[in-house]
Protein backbone atom coordinates (compact mmCIF):
# COMPACT_ATOMS: atom_id res chain seq x y z
CA MET A 1 21.66 -10.58 -14.97
CA PRO A 2 18.15 -10.00 -16.39
CA GLU A 3 16.01 -7.48 -14.53
CA ASP A 4 13.43 -10.14 -13.64
CA GLU A 5 16.04 -12.14 -11.73
CA PHE A 6 16.98 -9.17 -9.58
CA ILE A 7 13.51 -8.06 -8.48
CA HIS A 8 10.59 -10.15 -9.56
CA PRO A 9 7.63 -7.95 -10.59
CA ARG A 10 5.23 -10.17 -8.63
CA VAL A 11 7.15 -9.48 -5.41
CA ALA A 12 6.89 -5.73 -5.97
CA SER A 13 3.19 -5.99 -6.88
CA ARG A 14 2.44 -8.17 -3.86
CA ALA A 15 4.28 -5.79 -1.53
CA ALA A 16 2.52 -2.74 -2.98
CA CYS A 17 -0.87 -4.39 -2.56
CA ARG A 18 -0.13 -5.27 1.07
CA ILE A 19 1.13 -1.79 1.91
CA GLU A 20 -1.91 -0.17 0.31
CA LYS A 21 -4.11 -2.43 2.45
CA LEU A 22 -2.17 -1.43 5.57
CA ARG A 23 -2.57 2.23 4.62
CA ALA A 24 -6.32 1.75 4.18
CA ALA A 25 -6.52 -0.03 7.55
CA ALA A 26 -4.67 2.87 9.21
CA LEU A 27 -7.11 5.39 7.76
CA ARG A 28 -10.10 3.22 8.75
CA LEU A 29 -8.88 3.08 12.34
CA GLU A 30 -8.40 6.85 12.33
CA ALA A 31 -11.98 7.30 11.03
CA HIS A 32 -13.25 4.89 13.69
CA HIS A 33 -11.62 6.98 16.43
CA GLN A 34 -12.42 10.38 14.92
CA GLU A 35 -14.57 11.48 17.84
CA LEU A 36 -11.91 10.52 20.38
CA LEU A 37 -9.18 12.20 18.31
CA GLY A 38 -11.30 15.34 18.26
CA MET A 39 -11.14 15.48 22.06
CA ILE A 40 -7.34 15.50 22.13
CA ASP A 41 -5.54 18.77 22.64
CA PRO A 42 -4.93 20.33 19.21
CA MET A 43 -1.20 20.57 20.00
CA MET A 44 -1.07 16.76 20.23
CA ARG A 45 -3.74 15.76 17.71
CA GLU A 46 -1.43 15.13 14.74
CA SER A 47 0.83 12.94 16.86
CA ALA A 48 -2.23 11.10 18.16
CA ARG A 49 -3.38 10.47 14.58
CA ASN A 50 0.10 9.16 13.80
CA LEU A 51 -0.08 6.86 16.83
CA VAL A 52 -3.43 5.49 15.65
CA HIS A 53 -1.93 4.81 12.21
CA TYR A 54 1.08 3.10 13.77
CA LEU A 55 -1.06 0.90 16.03
CA ALA A 56 -3.24 -0.06 13.06
CA VAL A 57 -0.23 -1.20 11.03
CA ARG A 58 1.34 -3.01 13.98
CA SER A 59 -1.87 -4.93 14.61
CA TYR A 60 -0.96 -6.97 11.51
CA ASP A 61 1.74 -9.57 11.11
CA ILE A 62 3.93 -7.89 8.49
CA ARG A 63 6.92 -10.23 8.62
CA GLY A 64 6.31 -11.60 5.11
CA LEU A 65 5.92 -8.07 3.77
CA GLN A 66 9.09 -6.99 5.56
CA SER A 67 10.96 -9.87 3.95
CA ASP A 68 9.72 -8.87 0.49
CA LEU A 69 10.70 -5.23 1.07
CA ALA A 70 14.16 -6.18 2.34
CA GLN A 71 14.66 -8.43 -0.70
CA MET A 72 14.09 -5.35 -2.88
CA GLY A 73 16.38 -3.15 -0.76
CA LEU A 74 13.52 -1.03 0.58
CA SER A 75 12.54 0.09 4.06
CA SER A 76 11.13 -2.84 6.00
CA LEU A 77 8.89 -0.44 7.95
CA GLY A 78 10.58 -1.55 11.14
CA ARG A 79 11.15 2.00 12.37
CA MET A 80 8.05 3.74 11.13
CA GLU A 81 6.65 4.74 14.52
CA ALA A 82 7.50 8.43 14.20
CA HIS A 83 6.02 8.81 10.70
CA ALA A 84 3.63 5.90 10.12
CA LEU A 85 1.51 7.06 7.19
CA ALA A 86 4.38 8.99 5.56
CA SER A 87 6.53 5.83 5.70
CA LEU A 88 3.84 3.81 3.97
CA ASP A 89 3.38 6.53 1.35
CA ILE A 90 7.07 6.66 0.52
CA VAL A 91 7.34 2.89 0.08
CA ILE A 92 4.17 2.88 -2.07
CA ALA A 93 5.69 5.62 -4.24
CA VAL A 94 8.99 3.75 -4.66
CA LEU A 95 7.21 0.48 -5.48
CA SER A 96 5.04 2.32 -8.01
CA MET A 97 8.12 3.80 -9.67
CA MET A 98 9.79 0.39 -9.72
CA ARG A 99 6.75 -1.00 -11.52
CA ARG A 100 6.54 2.11 -13.75
CA LEU A 101 3.07 2.94 -12.46
CA PRO A 102 1.58 6.24 -11.33
CA PHE A 103 1.25 6.52 -7.57
CA SER A 104 -2.04 8.35 -7.24
CA THR A 105 -2.89 6.74 -3.88
CA VAL A 106 -0.03 8.60 -2.24
CA GLN A 107 -1.23 11.76 -0.54
CA PRO A 108 1.74 13.22 1.36
CA ASP A 109 -0.41 16.07 2.66
CA ARG A 110 -2.67 13.47 4.32
CA ALA A 111 0.05 12.16 6.61
CA PRO A 112 -0.26 13.89 9.99
CA VAL A 113 3.48 13.74 10.61
CA SER A 114 5.72 14.04 7.57
CA MET A 115 9.24 12.72 7.41
CA ALA A 116 10.52 16.29 7.69
CA ASP A 117 8.65 17.54 10.73
CA GLY A 118 6.46 16.85 13.70
CA PRO A 119 7.18 15.38 17.10
CA PRO A 120 7.43 11.61 17.16
CA TYR A 121 4.40 9.90 18.64
CA TRP A 122 6.23 8.66 21.72
CA SER A 123 6.71 12.22 22.91
CA VAL A 124 2.95 12.49 23.50
CA THR A 125 1.93 8.88 24.14
CA PRO A 126 2.16 9.19 27.94
CA ALA A 127 0.05 12.34 27.92
CA LEU A 128 -2.57 10.63 25.78
CA PHE A 129 -2.93 7.36 27.62
CA SER A 130 -1.57 7.46 31.13
CA ASP A 131 -0.89 9.58 34.15
CA HIS A 132 2.04 7.27 34.96
CA PRO A 133 4.08 6.54 31.83
CA PRO A 134 7.10 4.28 31.93
CA GLN A 135 10.34 6.02 32.93
CA ASN A 136 11.78 5.72 29.43
CA THR A 137 9.02 7.34 27.34
CA ARG A 138 11.25 7.38 24.25
CA HIS A 139 11.17 3.60 24.08
CA ALA A 140 9.11 2.99 20.97
CA SER A 141 7.91 -0.49 21.89
CA TRP A 142 5.87 0.74 24.84
CA SER A 143 2.21 0.70 23.96
CA PRO A 144 -0.96 1.23 25.96
CA CYS A 145 -2.26 -2.01 24.52
CA HIS A 146 -0.79 -5.13 23.03
CA PRO A 147 -3.20 -6.09 20.25
CA LYS A 148 -3.18 -9.56 18.82
CA ARG A 149 -1.60 -9.37 15.39
CA HIS A 150 -3.42 -10.79 12.43
CA ALA A 151 -2.65 -11.37 8.76
CA ILE A 152 -2.85 -8.54 6.26
CA PRO A 153 -6.30 -8.83 4.62
CA SER A 154 -6.40 -10.49 1.21
């Protein structure tokens, strides 16, 4: 089977472009909330940054992207809540390698919570947003807001 029939280069390029846009959106939302993030207890700040990144990504409808990623055998980003930016960076790196491109946009040191360490965001979400969190604070779908999802920008 020719390589092009297995993974079409346009699918990989389209997915990489979408993920890079999601990453940029996550960093924009962090910049927008920089003052608020600065008021958070330093012990929870990195998890709060991760939560902001996660909420930024989840504000988009990524079902088409998830389908493309699954078609290529990659993470569909469905369980990225504990390491939002690091998850995006890893998929960008793999897509870059698949396309034989350098992955200069990946900055692993920029991710507030790496894949190897850090408390998952849901461990601090109740402390950040509510005096009365739900009983099951480890349930990742709980969110202080339910933003309307929109398409990934073109």
